Amino acid sequence: MDTPLDKDQLFEHFTITVDKGQEILRVDKFLMNKLEKTSRNKIQNAARAGCVVVNKKAVKPNYKIKPGDTVKVLLPNEPRTLELIAEDIPLDIVYEDDTVIVVNKQAGLVVHPGHGNYTGTLVNGLIYHFKNLPQNKDFDSRPGLVHRLDKLTTGLMVAAKTEYAMSHLAKQFFDRTVNRRYYALVWGDLSEDGTIEGNIGRNLKNRKKMHVFTDEDYGKHSVTHYTVLKRFGYVTLVECKLETGRTHQIRVHFSYIKHPLFGDALYGGDKIVKGTVFTKYKQYIDNCFKIIPRQALHAKTLGFIHPETNEDMHFNSDLPNDMQTVLDKWEHYIQYRNVK
């Protein structure tokens, strides 16, 4: 699933209360003296992108701080844990300029290096393509990235090519102003549009899975809106819009309402959830699973404000072949069933 990095992953929060004896000083100079191993240029880029906040209001680099002010800095945060290697990995580039790049991620491509996936990731491919991605000491393992998609989820992603663009895009994701739509094929016959709410957190028994908690003390508030696009009787094609962006949000939310994504092995969608007991139906479903051996989820559209031009950018992508083929099979299935 396509998600921005969680708040505590996407931004590192520095909060400083200005001393009573502090002389009036530009905020960029003030922060340069307070934050270790941080250049004034990086602070200015963060401020220009709206990531420097004084008394709950975003300020420019030349803002004059006063005694008693509360200064907060929001920055991408991911400790560097491994060396990044440039690799010539084929990328489906939808758009590129000097500031940003939009790619259509294929299934099976891990977004960034991590445990068990140290090479062969989107980041490795971006490093090779760009030669020099924006990085900082707290974000070196995910240079240029401000959001992610699960390994087996396909679709549109944006990455930054400058430090300012990285801060600007990260702020847009943080403010939830990025326009994203996902197509998902889910088990069951959903007749109406709807909204799924529930706190999402790590499953207490299986750390690889997420879980919806009814106790408000666990997990983070999460909201998924969905629109029914096509009903196939036993499965439904829906368009999803996220009000929040949690790990596996679409997948775990639909599993929570007993409509797991078709083919989703982690959340119970890789077996027959709805349908008949006939052998031919089982064979039909098995054939579908062979065509799309993953969750049927695609990040179809992506819209954001260009960090430099302020232009409203919007991109749309076709469904991948595996997902489209399975939808065509379901279309044929319901037509055949109705004829009979």
C-alpha atoms as a PDB file:
ATOM      1  CA  MET A   1       0.000   0.000   0.000  1.00  0.00           C
ATOM      2  CA  ASP A   2       1.017   3.455  -0.745  1.00  0.00           C
ATOM      3  CA  THR A   3       1.678   5.412   2.472  1.00  0.00           C
ATOM      4  CA  PRO A   4       3.649   8.415   3.513  1.00  0.00           C
ATOM      5  CA  LEU A   5       6.125   7.511   6.173  1.00  0.00           C
ATOM      6  CA  ASP A   6       4.425   7.616   9.578  1.00  0.00           C
ATOM      7  CA  LYS A   7       4.742  10.957  11.383  1.00  0.00           C
ATOM      8  CA  ASP A   8       7.531   9.705  13.612  1.00  0.00           C
ATOM      9  CA  GLN A   9       9.346   8.242  10.609  1.00  0.00           C
ATOM     10  CA  LEU A  10       8.798  11.067   8.149  1.00  0.00           C
ATOM     11  CA  PHE A  11       9.900  13.908  10.418  1.00  0.00           C
ATOM     12  CA  GLU A  12      12.380  14.223  13.189  1.00  0.00           C
ATOM     13  CA  HIS A  13      11.076  16.776  15.697  1.00  0.00           C
ATOM     14  CA  PHE A  14      13.416  19.265  17.329  1.00  0.00           C
ATOM     15  CA  THR A  15      11.671  21.468  19.881  1.00  0.00           C
ATOM     16  CA  ILE A  16      13.565  24.342  21.449  1.00  0.00           C
ATOM     17  CA  THR A  17      12.232  26.952  23.869  1.00  0.00           C
ATOM     18  CA  VAL A  18      14.129  30.222  23.470  1.00  0.00           C
ATOM     19  CA  ASP A  19      15.853  31.333  26.676  1.00  0.00           C
ATOM     20  CA  LYS A  20      14.703  34.509  28.423  1.00  0.00           C
ATOM     21  CA  GLY A  21      18.090  36.097  27.882  1.00  0.00           C
ATOM     22  CA  GLN A  22      18.280  35.306  24.151  1.00  0.00           C
ATOM     23  CA  GLU A  23      18.897  38.292  21.923  1.00  0.00           C
ATOM     24  CA  ILE A  24      16.629  38.778  18.908  1.00  0.00           C
ATOM     25  CA  LEU A  25      18.101  36.658  16.107  1.00  0.00           C
ATOM     26  CA  ARG A  26      17.148  35.213  12.729  1.00  0.00           C
ATOM     27  CA  VAL A  27      15.693  31.747  13.202  1.00  0.00           C
ATOM     28  CA  ASP A  28      18.091  30.135  10.699  1.00  0.00           C
ATOM     29  CA  LYS A  29      21.104  31.483  12.604  1.00  0.00           C
ATOM     30  CA  PHE A  30      19.548  30.482  15.912  1.00  0.00           C
ATOM     31  CA  LEU A  31      18.968  26.905  14.766  1.00  0.00           C
ATOM     32  CA  MET A  32      22.400  26.608  13.189  1.00  0.00           C
ATOM     33  CA  ASN A  33      23.882  27.285  16.626  1.00  0.00           C
ATOM     34  CA  LYS A  34      21.528  24.844  18.354  1.00  0.00           C
ATOM     35  CA  LEU A  35      21.516  21.843  16.001  1.00  0.00           C
ATOM     36  CA  GLU A  36      24.674  19.808  15.596  1.00  0.00           C
ATOM     37  CA  LYS A  37      25.992  18.839  12.151  1.00  0.00           C
ATOM     38  CA  THR A  38      23.358  20.910  10.363  1.00  0.00           C
ATOM     39  CA  SER A  39      24.181  23.545   7.752  1.00  0.00           C
ATOM     40  CA  ARG A  40      22.441  26.880   7.474  1.00  0.00           C
ATOM     41  CA  ASN A  41      21.482  26.001   3.888  1.00  0.00           C
ATOM     42  CA  LYS A  42      19.576  22.893   5.052  1.00  0.00           C
ATOM     43  CA  ILE A  43      17.787  24.903   7.717  1.00  0.00           C
ATOM     44  CA  GLN A  44      16.816  27.538   5.158  1.00  0.00           C
ATOM     45  CA  ASN A  45      15.490  24.873   2.780  1.00  0.00           C
ATOM     46  CA  ALA A  46      13.430  23.380   5.597  1.00  0.00           C
ATOM     47  CA  ALA A  47      12.053  26.815   6.492  1.00  0.00           C
ATOM     48  CA  ARG A  48      11.205  27.636   2.888  1.00  0.00           C
ATOM     49  CA  ALA A  49       9.264  24.368   2.729  1.00  0.00           C
ATOM     50  CA  GLY A  50       7.268  25.257   5.836  1.00  0.00           C
ATOM     51  CA  CYS A  51       9.089  22.817   8.109  1.00  0.00           C
ATOM     52  CA  VAL A  52      10.308  25.369  10.666  1.00  0.00           C
ATOM     53  CA  VAL A  53       7.524  26.294  13.048  1.00  0.00           C
ATOM     54  CA  VAL A  54       7.555  29.000  15.723  1.00  0.00           C
ATOM     55  CA  ASN A  55       4.679  29.089  18.184  1.00  0.00           C
ATOM     56  CA  LYS A  56       2.706  26.679  15.943  1.00  0.00           C
ATOM     57  CA  LYS A  57       3.144  28.840  12.828  1.00  0.00           C
ATOM     58  CA  ALA A  58       5.475  28.117   9.887  1.00  0.00           C
ATOM     59  CA  VAL A  59       8.081  30.846   9.467  1.00  0.00           C
ATOM     60  CA  LYS A  60      10.645  31.937   6.876  1.00  0.00           C
ATOM     61  CA  PRO A  61      14.430  31.808   7.441  1.00  0.00           C
ATOM     62  CA  ASN A  62      14.569  35.524   8.284  1.00  0.00           C
ATOM     63  CA  TYR A  63      11.985  35.321  11.083  1.00  0.00           C
ATOM     64  CA  LYS A  64      13.339  36.981  14.229  1.00  0.00           C
ATOM     65  CA  ILE A  65      13.010  34.747  17.289  1.00  0.00           C
ATOM     66  CA  LYS A  66      12.266  36.270  20.684  1.00  0.00           C
ATOM     67  CA  PRO A  67      12.660  35.069  24.282  1.00  0.00           C
ATOM     68  CA  GLY A  68       9.982  32.542  25.153  1.00  0.00           C
ATOM     69  CA  ASP A  69       9.353  31.429  21.555  1.00  0.00           C
ATOM     70  CA  THR A  70       8.921  27.700  20.940  1.00  0.00           C
ATOM     71  CA  VAL A  71      10.823  26.668  17.828  1.00  0.00           C
ATOM     72  CA  LYS A  72      10.079  23.319  16.194  1.00  0.00           C
ATOM     73  CA  VAL A  73      11.852  21.752  13.237  1.00  0.00           C
ATOM     74  CA  LEU A  74      10.251  18.978  11.168  1.00  0.00           C
ATOM     75  CA  LEU A  75      12.744  16.951   9.134  1.00  0.00           C
ATOM     76  CA  PRO A  76      12.750  13.547   7.406  1.00  0.00           C
ATOM     77  CA  ASN A  77      14.107  10.988   9.831  1.00  0.00           C
ATOM     78  CA  GLU A  78      15.619   7.578   9.140  1.00  0.00           C
ATOM     79  CA  PRO A  79      18.959   6.605  10.714  1.00  0.00           C
ATOM     80  CA  ARG A  80      21.529   5.381   8.284  1.00  0.00           C
ATOM     81  CA  THR A  81      22.113   1.684   8.833  1.00  0.00           C
ATOM     82  CA  LEU A  82      23.710   0.494   5.616  1.00  0.00           C
ATOM     83  CA  GLU A  83      25.779   1.585   2.667  1.00  0.00           C
ATOM     84  CA  LEU A  84      23.803   2.467  -0.423  1.00  0.00           C
ATOM     85  CA  ILE A  85      25.003   1.081  -3.740  1.00  0.00           C
ATOM     86  CA  ALA A  86      24.023   2.445  -7.150  1.00  0.00           C
ATOM     87  CA  GLU A  87      22.464  -0.285  -9.291  1.00  0.00           C
ATOM     88  CA  ASP A  88      21.266  -0.212 -12.888  1.00  0.00           C
ATOM     89  CA  ILE A  89      17.668  -1.200 -12.160  1.00  0.00           C
ATOM     90  CA  PRO A  90      15.066  -0.552 -14.894  1.00  0.00           C
ATOM     91  CA  LEU A  91      12.699   2.219 -13.823  1.00  0.00           C
ATOM     92  CA  ASP A  92       9.372   3.083 -15.433  1.00  0.00           C
ATOM     93  CA  ILE A  93       9.766   6.875 -15.414  1.00  0.00           C
ATOM     94  CA  VAL A  94       6.491   8.734 -15.897  1.00  0.00           C
ATOM     95  CA  TYR A  95       7.849  12.260 -15.434  1.00  0.00           C
ATOM     96  CA  GLU A  96      11.173  13.872 -14.611  1.00  0.00           C
ATOM     97  CA  ASP A  97      12.656  17.348 -14.371  1.00  0.00           C
ATOM     98  CA  ASP A  98      15.477  18.955 -12.395  1.00  0.00           C
ATOM     99  CA  THR A  99      13.444  18.853  -9.172  1.00  0.00           C
ATOM    100  CA  VAL A 100      11.274  15.722  -9.015  1.00  0.00           C
ATOM    101  CA  ILE A 101      10.824  12.325 -10.611  1.00  0.00           C
ATOM    102  CA  VAL A 102       7.639  10.261 -10.802  1.00  0.00           C
ATOM    103  CA  VAL A 103       7.959   6.516 -11.338  1.00  0.00           C
ATOM    104  CA  ASN A 104       5.444   3.717 -11.841  1.00  0.00           C
ATOM    105  CA  LYS A 105       6.707   1.024  -9.460  1.00  0.00           C
ATOM    106  CA  GLN A 106       6.429  -2.582 -10.555  1.00  0.00           C
ATOM    107  CA  ALA A 107       5.369  -5.458  -8.306  1.00  0.00           C
ATOM    108  CA  GLY A 108       8.209  -7.120  -6.409  1.00  0.00           C
ATOM    109  CA  LEU A 109      10.388  -4.011  -6.227  1.00  0.00           C
ATOM    110  CA  VAL A 110      11.233  -3.061  -2.633  1.00  0.00           C
ATOM    111  CA  VAL A 111      11.250   0.714  -2.183  1.00  0.00           C
ATOM    112  CA  HIS A 112      14.232   1.146   0.138  1.00  0.00           C
ATOM    113  CA  PRO A 113      16.995  -1.036   1.633  1.00  0.00           C
ATOM    114  CA  GLY A 114      16.265  -2.736   4.917  1.00  0.00           C
ATOM    115  CA  HIS A 115      16.552  -6.039   6.718  1.00  0.00           C
ATOM    116  CA  GLY A 116      16.583  -8.804   4.120  1.00  0.00           C
ATOM    117  CA  ASN A 117      16.644  -6.362   1.191  1.00  0.00           C
ATOM    118  CA  TYR A 118      20.012  -4.658   1.113  1.00  0.00           C
ATOM    119  CA  THR A 119      20.232  -4.275  -2.673  1.00  0.00           C
ATOM    120  CA  GLY A 120      17.963  -4.281  -5.695  1.00  0.00           C
ATOM    121  CA  THR A 121      15.610  -1.616  -4.325  1.00  0.00           C
ATOM    122  CA  LEU A 122      14.043   1.450  -5.899  1.00  0.00           C
ATOM    123  CA  VAL A 123      16.491   3.631  -3.974  1.00  0.00           C
ATOM    124  CA  ASN A 124      19.456   1.745  -5.445  1.00  0.00           C
ATOM    125  CA  GLY A 125      18.004   2.341  -8.905  1.00  0.00           C
ATOM    126  CA  LEU A 126      17.346   6.015  -8.225  1.00  0.00           C
ATOM    127  CA  ILE A 127      20.895   6.541  -7.007  1.00  0.00           C
ATOM    128  CA  TYR A 128      22.235   5.043 -10.237  1.00  0.00           C
ATOM    129  CA  HIS A 129      19.840   7.133 -12.327  1.00  0.00           C
ATOM    130  CA  PHE A 130      20.445  10.433 -10.550  1.00  0.00           C
ATOM    131  CA  LYS A 131      24.100   9.887  -9.576  1.00  0.00           C
ATOM    132  CA  ASN A 132      23.502  12.301  -6.685  1.00  0.00           C
ATOM    133  CA  LEU A 133      20.310  12.181  -4.616  1.00  0.00           C
ATOM    134  CA  PRO A 134      19.517  14.646  -1.825  1.00  0.00           C
ATOM    135  CA  GLN A 135      20.481  13.212   1.540  1.00  0.00           C
ATOM    136  CA  ASN A 136      21.052  14.328   5.071  1.00  0.00           C
ATOM    137  CA  LYS A 137      22.509  12.654   8.113  1.00  0.00           C
ATOM    138  CA  ASP A 138      19.099  11.473   9.327  1.00  0.00           C
ATOM    139  CA  PHE A 139      17.693  10.256   6.020  1.00  0.00           C
ATOM    140  CA  ASP A 140      20.552   8.522   4.238  1.00  0.00           C
ATOM    141  CA  SER A 141      18.895   5.125   3.824  1.00  0.00           C
ATOM    142  CA  ARG A 142      15.951   6.662   1.950  1.00  0.00           C
ATOM    143  CA  PRO A 143      17.470   9.510  -0.100  1.00  0.00           C
ATOM    144  CA  GLY A 144      14.919  11.398  -2.148  1.00  0.00           C
ATOM    145  CA  LEU A 145      11.950   9.437  -0.786  1.00  0.00           C
ATOM    146  CA  VAL A 146       9.032  10.996   1.068  1.00  0.00           C
ATOM    147  CA  HIS A 147       6.577   8.056   0.880  1.00  0.00           C
ATOM    148  CA  ARG A 148       6.570   4.369   0.040  1.00  0.00           C
ATOM    149  CA  LEU A 149       4.656   1.471  -1.452  1.00  0.00           C
ATOM    150  CA  ASP A 150       4.636  -2.114  -0.237  1.00  0.00           C
ATOM    151  CA  LYS A 151       6.882  -4.522  -2.138  1.00  0.00           C
ATOM    152  CA  LEU A 152       4.002  -6.215  -3.971  1.00  0.00           C
ATOM    153  CA  THR A 153       1.942  -3.069  -4.551  1.00  0.00           C
ATOM    154  CA  THR A 154       2.273  -1.312  -7.892  1.00  0.00           C
ATOM    155  CA  GLY A 155       1.810   2.283  -8.918  1.00  0.00           C
ATOM    156  CA  LEU A 156       2.909   5.885  -8.852  1.00  0.00           C
ATOM    157  CA  MET A 157       5.557   7.331  -6.545  1.00  0.00           C
ATOM    158  CA  VAL A 158       7.302  10.697  -6.442  1.00  0.00           C
ATOM    159  CA  ALA A 159      10.911  11.257  -5.332  1.00  0.00           C
ATOM    160  CA  ALA A 160      12.843  14.486  -4.811  1.00  0.00           C
ATOM    161  CA  LYS A 161      16.028  15.461  -6.628  1.00  0.00           C
ATOM    162  CA  THR A 162      16.938  18.430  -4.403  1.00  0.00           C
ATOM    163  CA  GLU A 163      16.978  18.984  -0.661  1.00  0.00           C
ATOM    164  CA  TYR A 164      14.391  21.733  -0.921  1.00  0.00           C
ATOM    165  CA  ALA A 165      12.064  19.567  -3.012  1.00  0.00           C
ATOM    166  CA  MET A 166      12.447  16.787  -0.461  1.00  0.00           C
ATOM    167  CA  SER A 167      11.399  19.060   2.402  1.00  0.00           C
ATOM    168  CA  HIS A 168       8.576  20.596   0.357  1.00  0.00           C
ATOM    169  CA  LEU A 169       7.110  17.234  -0.691  1.00  0.00           C
ATOM    170  CA  ALA A 170       7.511  15.810   2.803  1.00  0.00           C
ATOM    171  CA  LYS A 171       5.495  18.742   4.155  1.00  0.00           C
ATOM    172  CA  GLN A 172       2.737  18.085   1.600  1.00  0.00           C
ATOM    173  CA  PHE A 173       2.486  14.466   2.698  1.00  0.00           C
ATOM    174  CA  PHE A 174       2.550  15.539   6.345  1.00  0.00           C
ATOM    175  CA  ASP A 175      -0.274  18.024   5.713  1.00  0.00           C
ATOM    176  CA  ARG A 176      -2.195  15.367   3.695  1.00  0.00           C
ATOM    177  CA  THR A 177      -2.563  17.656   0.693  1.00  0.00           C
ATOM    178  CA  VAL A 178      -1.155  15.107  -1.758  1.00  0.00           C
ATOM    179  CA  ASN A 179      -3.939  13.700  -3.948  1.00  0.00           C
ATOM    180  CA  ARG A 180      -3.689   9.902  -4.267  1.00  0.00           C
ATOM    181  CA  ARG A 181      -6.160   7.268  -5.425  1.00  0.00           C
ATOM    182  CA  TYR A 182      -5.706   3.496  -5.293  1.00  0.00           C
ATOM    183  CA  TYR A 183      -7.551   0.706  -7.059  1.00  0.00           C
ATOM    184  CA  ALA A 184      -8.098  -2.453  -5.038  1.00  0.00           C
ATOM    185  CA  LEU A 185      -9.907  -5.703  -5.804  1.00  0.00           C
ATOM    186  CA  VAL A 186     -11.445  -6.937  -2.566  1.00  0.00           C
ATOM    187  CA  TRP A 187     -13.317 -10.080  -1.609  1.00  0.00           C
ATOM    188  CA  GLY A 188     -17.093  -9.828  -1.202  1.00  0.00           C
ATOM    189  CA  ASP A 189     -19.955  -7.876  -2.721  1.00  0.00           C
ATOM    190  CA  LEU A 190     -19.757  -4.264  -1.581  1.00  0.00           C
ATOM    191  CA  SER A 191     -22.928  -2.534  -2.714  1.00  0.00           C
ATOM    192  CA  GLU A 192     -22.259   0.978  -1.398  1.00  0.00           C
ATOM    193  CA  ASP A 193     -19.432   3.448  -0.964  1.00  0.00           C
ATOM    194  CA  GLY A 194     -18.091   3.709   2.549  1.00  0.00           C
ATOM    195  CA  THR A 195     -15.497   4.742   5.106  1.00  0.00           C
ATOM    196  CA  ILE A 196     -13.387   2.496   7.322  1.00  0.00           C
ATOM    197  CA  GLU A 197     -12.039   3.844  10.612  1.00  0.00           C
ATOM    198  CA  GLY A 198      -9.900   2.198  13.258  1.00  0.00           C
ATOM    199  CA  ASN A 199      -6.575   2.663  15.001  1.00  0.00           C
ATOM    200  CA  ILE A 200      -3.771   0.812  13.206  1.00  0.00           C
ATOM    201  CA  GLY A 201      -0.696  -0.522  14.962  1.00  0.00           C
ATOM    202  CA  ARG A 202       1.680  -3.468  14.934  1.00  0.00           C
ATOM    203  CA  ASN A 203       0.030  -6.824  15.514  1.00  0.00           C
ATOM    204  CA  LEU A 204       0.945  -7.887  19.031  1.00  0.00           C
ATOM    205  CA  LYS A 205       1.481 -11.505  17.952  1.00  0.00           C
ATOM    206  CA  ASN A 206       3.030 -11.014  14.500  1.00  0.00           C
ATOM    207  CA  ARG A 207       5.235  -7.959  14.007  1.00  0.00           C
ATOM    208  CA  LYS A 208       5.129  -8.335  10.212  1.00  0.00           C
ATOM    209  CA  LYS A 209       1.413  -7.598  10.259  1.00  0.00           C
ATOM    210  CA  MET A 210      -0.583  -4.531  11.195  1.00  0.00           C
ATOM    211  CA  HIS A 211      -3.779  -4.712  13.235  1.00  0.00           C
ATOM    212  CA  VAL A 212      -6.885  -2.598  13.830  1.00  0.00           C
ATOM    213  CA  PHE A 213      -7.367  -1.907  17.538  1.00  0.00           C
ATOM    214  CA  THR A 214     -10.739  -0.987  19.001  1.00  0.00           C
ATOM    215  CA  ASP A 215      -8.991   0.278  22.140  1.00  0.00           C
ATOM    216  CA  GLU A 216      -8.048   3.902  21.437  1.00  0.00           C
ATOM    217  CA  ASP A 217      -4.926   3.520  23.563  1.00  0.00           C
ATOM    218  CA  TYR A 218      -3.318   1.347  20.856  1.00  0.00           C
ATOM    219  CA  GLY A 219      -2.310   2.231  17.325  1.00  0.00           C
ATOM    220  CA  LYS A 220      -2.795   5.442  15.362  1.00  0.00           C
ATOM    221  CA  HIS A 221      -6.048   6.944  14.134  1.00  0.00           C
ATOM    222  CA  SER A 222      -6.666   5.807  10.541  1.00  0.00           C
ATOM    223  CA  VAL A 223      -9.379   6.554   7.984  1.00  0.00           C
ATOM    224  CA  THR A 224      -9.913   5.000   4.536  1.00  0.00           C
ATOM    225  CA  HIS A 225     -12.648   6.199   2.159  1.00  0.00           C
ATOM    226  CA  TYR A 226     -13.679   3.945  -0.702  1.00  0.00           C
ATOM    227  CA  THR A 227     -15.894   4.171  -3.789  1.00  0.00           C
ATOM    228  CA  VAL A 228     -17.366   1.112  -5.484  1.00  0.00           C
ATOM    229  CA  LEU A 229     -16.299   1.003  -9.140  1.00  0.00           C
ATOM    230  CA  LYS A 230     -17.424  -2.446 -10.299  1.00  0.00           C
ATOM    231  CA  ARG A 231     -19.203  -5.346  -8.618  1.00  0.00           C
ATOM    232  CA  PHE A 232     -18.435  -8.893  -9.735  1.00  0.00           C
ATOM    233  CA  GLY A 233     -20.638 -10.730  -7.248  1.00  0.00           C
ATOM    234  CA  TYR A 234     -17.914 -12.419  -5.212  1.00  0.00           C
ATOM    235  CA  VAL A 235     -15.346  -9.614  -5.497  1.00  0.00           C
ATOM    236  CA  THR A 236     -15.566  -5.837  -5.877  1.00  0.00           C
ATOM    237  CA  LEU A 237     -13.277  -3.272  -7.502  1.00  0.00           C
ATOM    238  CA  VAL A 238     -12.989  -0.162  -5.323  1.00  0.00           C
ATOM    239  CA  GLU A 239     -11.184   3.163  -5.477  1.00  0.00           C
ATOM    240  CA  CYS A 240      -9.588   4.193  -2.171  1.00  0.00           C
ATOM    241  CA  LYS A 241      -8.630   7.585  -0.810  1.00  0.00           C
ATOM    242  CA  LEU A 242      -6.628   7.740   2.393  1.00  0.00           C
ATOM    243  CA  GLU A 243      -7.351  10.386   4.974  1.00  0.00           C
ATOM    244  CA  THR A 244      -4.333   9.071   6.881  1.00  0.00           C
ATOM    245  CA  GLY A 245      -1.316   7.112   5.679  1.00  0.00           C
ATOM    246  CA  ARG A 246      -0.460   4.120   7.856  1.00  0.00           C
ATOM    247  CA  THR A 247       1.583   1.055   6.999  1.00  0.00           C
ATOM    248  CA  HIS A 248      -0.608  -1.474   5.123  1.00  0.00           C
ATOM    249  CA  GLN A 249      -3.603   0.796   5.735  1.00  0.00           C
ATOM    250  CA  ILE A 250      -5.816  -0.286   2.829  1.00  0.00           C
ATOM    251  CA  ARG A 251      -4.912  -3.934   3.274  1.00  0.00           C
ATOM    252  CA  VAL A 252      -5.531  -4.112   7.020  1.00  0.00           C
ATOM    253  CA  HIS A 253      -8.651  -1.943   6.931  1.00  0.00           C
ATOM    254  CA  PHE A 254     -10.423  -4.122   4.366  1.00  0.00           C
ATOM    255  CA  SER A 255      -9.347  -7.251   6.194  1.00  0.00           C
ATOM    256  CA  TYR A 256     -10.819  -5.713   9.351  1.00  0.00           C
ATOM    257  CA  ILE A 257     -14.281  -5.408   7.707  1.00  0.00           C
ATOM    258  CA  LYS A 258     -14.032  -8.995   6.391  1.00  0.00           C
ATOM    259  CA  HIS A 259     -13.274  -7.977   2.800  1.00  0.00           C
ATOM    260  CA  PRO A 260      -9.535  -8.687   2.426  1.00  0.00           C
ATOM    261  CA  LEU A 261      -7.760  -7.741  -0.774  1.00  0.00           C
ATOM    262  CA  PHE A 262      -7.821 -10.431  -3.446  1.00  0.00           C
ATOM    263  CA  GLY A 263      -4.566 -12.425  -3.293  1.00  0.00           C
ATOM    264  CA  ASP A 264      -3.286 -10.781  -0.101  1.00  0.00           C
ATOM    265  CA  ALA A 265      -1.462 -13.627   1.648  1.00  0.00           C
ATOM    266  CA  LEU A 266      -0.657 -11.612   4.767  1.00  0.00           C
ATOM    267  CA  TYR A 267      -4.243 -10.607   5.504  1.00  0.00           C
ATOM    268  CA  GLY A 268      -6.224 -13.670   4.415  1.00  0.00           C
ATOM    269  CA  GLY A 269      -7.041 -12.804   0.815  1.00  0.00           C
ATOM    270  CA  ASP A 270      -5.114 -15.676  -0.795  1.00  0.00           C
ATOM    271  CA  LYS A 271      -7.925 -18.199  -0.286  1.00  0.00           C
ATOM    272  CA  ILE A 272     -11.566 -18.366  -1.300  1.00  0.00           C
ATOM    273  CA  VAL A 273     -13.447 -15.965   0.951  1.00  0.00           C
ATOM    274  CA  LYS A 274     -16.671 -15.676  -1.073  1.00  0.00           C
ATOM    275  CA  GLY A 275     -18.135 -17.912  -3.747  1.00  0.00           C
ATOM    276  CA  THR A 276     -19.419 -21.399  -4.498  1.00  0.00           C
ATOM    277  CA  VAL A 277     -18.239 -24.857  -3.472  1.00  0.00           C
ATOM    278  CA  PHE A 278     -18.000 -26.106  -7.046  1.00  0.00           C
ATOM    279  CA  THR A 279     -14.672 -27.547  -8.210  1.00  0.00           C
ATOM    280  CA  LYS A 280     -14.682 -25.410 -11.356  1.00  0.00           C
ATOM    281  CA  TYR A 281     -14.952 -22.260  -9.244  1.00  0.00           C
ATOM    282  CA  LYS A 282     -11.996 -23.331  -7.120  1.00  0.00           C
ATOM    283  CA  GLN A 283      -9.967 -23.981 -10.273  1.00  0.00           C
ATOM    284  CA  TYR A 284     -10.972 -20.581 -11.619  1.00  0.00           C
ATOM    285  CA  ILE A 285      -9.824 -18.817  -8.428  1.00  0.00           C
ATOM    286  CA  ASP A 286      -6.555 -20.781  -8.376  1.00  0.00           C
ATOM    287  CA  ASN A 287      -5.893 -19.640 -11.948  1.00  0.00           C
ATOM    288  CA  CYS A 288      -6.546 -16.045 -10.916  1.00  0.00           C
ATOM    289  CA  PHE A 289      -4.100 -16.383  -8.015  1.00  0.00           C
ATOM    290  CA  LYS A 290      -1.456 -17.659 -10.448  1.00  0.00           C
ATOM    291  CA  ILE A 291      -1.969 -14.621 -12.663  1.00  0.00           C
ATOM    292  CA  ILE A 292      -1.672 -12.169  -9.765  1.00  0.00           C
ATOM    293  CA  PRO A 293       0.290 -13.840  -6.929  1.00  0.00           C
ATOM    294  CA  ARG A 294       0.079 -10.736  -4.748  1.00  0.00           C
ATOM    295  CA  GLN A 295      -2.449  -8.320  -3.295  1.00  0.00           C
ATOM    296  CA  ALA A 296      -4.517  -6.708  -6.053  1.00  0.00           C
ATOM    297  CA  LEU A 297      -3.607  -3.118  -5.169  1.00  0.00           C
ATOM    298  CA  HIS A 298      -2.400  -0.329  -7.445  1.00  0.00           C
ATOM    299  CA  ALA A 299      -1.577   3.328  -6.729  1.00  0.00           C
ATOM    300  CA  LYS A 300      -3.357   4.689  -9.797  1.00  0.00           C
ATOM    301  CA  THR A 301      -3.243   8.477  -9.489  1.00  0.00           C
ATOM    302  CA  LEU A 302      -0.908  10.966  -7.836  1.00  0.00           C
ATOM    303  CA  GLY A 303      -1.214  14.722  -7.503  1.00  0.00           C
ATOM    304  CA  PHE A 304       1.023  17.251  -5.738  1.00  0.00           C
ATOM    305  CA  ILE A 305       2.223  20.845  -5.925  1.00  0.00           C
ATOM    306  CA  HIS A 306       5.540  21.191  -7.729  1.00  0.00           C
ATOM    307  CA  PRO A 307       8.112  22.415  -5.158  1.00  0.00           C
ATOM    308  CA  GLU A 308       9.665  25.002  -7.482  1.00  0.00           C
ATOM    309  CA  THR A 309       6.945  26.100  -9.918  1.00  0.00           C
ATOM    310  CA  ASN A 310       3.931  25.708  -7.570  1.00  0.00           C
ATOM    311  CA  GLU A 311       2.190  24.021 -10.501  1.00  0.00           C
ATOM    312  CA  ASP A 312      -0.539  21.489  -9.716  1.00  0.00           C
ATOM    313  CA  MET A 313       0.922  18.213 -11.005  1.00  0.00           C
ATOM    314  CA  HIS A 314      -1.358  15.246 -11.686  1.00  0.00           C
ATOM    315  CA  PHE A 315      -0.511  11.778 -12.988  1.00  0.00           C
ATOM    316  CA  ASN A 316      -2.585   8.747 -13.887  1.00  0.00           C
ATOM    317  CA  SER A 317      -1.359   5.199 -14.556  1.00  0.00           C
ATOM    318  CA  ASP A 318      -2.841   2.155 -16.234  1.00  0.00           C
ATOM    319  CA  LEU A 319      -3.505  -0.926 -14.171  1.00  0.00           C
ATOM    320  CA  PRO A 320      -0.642  -3.458 -14.394  1.00  0.00           C
ATOM    321  CA  ASN A 321      -1.167  -6.424 -16.715  1.00  0.00           C
ATOM    322  CA  ASP A 322      -1.690  -8.966 -13.936  1.00  0.00           C
ATOM    323  CA  MET A 323      -4.439  -6.960 -12.233  1.00  0.00           C
ATOM    324  CA  GLN A 324      -6.142  -5.998 -15.498  1.00  0.00           C
ATOM    325  CA  THR A 325      -6.094  -9.622 -16.696  1.00  0.00           C
ATOM    326  CA  VAL A 326      -7.791 -10.807 -13.495  1.00  0.00           C
ATOM    327  CA  LEU A 327     -10.440  -8.077 -13.809  1.00  0.00           C
ATOM    328  CA  ASP A 328     -11.106  -9.165 -17.383  1.00  0.00           C
ATOM    329  CA  LYS A 329     -11.510 -12.752 -16.187  1.00  0.00           C
ATOM    330  CA  TRP A 330     -14.022 -11.651 -13.555  1.00  0.00           C
ATOM    331  CA  GLU A 331     -15.908  -9.653 -16.176  1.00  0.00           C
ATOM    332  CA  HIS A 332     -16.126 -12.756 -18.352  1.00  0.00           C
ATOM    333  CA  TYR A 333     -17.099 -14.874 -15.321  1.00  0.00           C
ATOM    334  CA  ILE A 334     -20.125 -12.802 -14.336  1.00  0.00           C
ATOM    335  CA  GLN A 335     -21.274 -12.523 -17.958  1.00  0.00           C
ATOM    336  CA  TYR A 336     -21.067 -16.316 -18.327  1.00  0.00           C
ATOM    337  CA  ARG A 337     -22.887 -16.822 -15.020  1.00  0.00           C
ATOM    338  CA  ASN A 338     -25.664 -14.406 -15.975  1.00  0.00           C
ATOM    339  CA  VAL A 339     -26.151 -16.120 -19.343  1.00  0.00           C
ATOM    340  CA  LYS A 340     -26.590 -19.462 -17.603  1.00  0.00           C
END
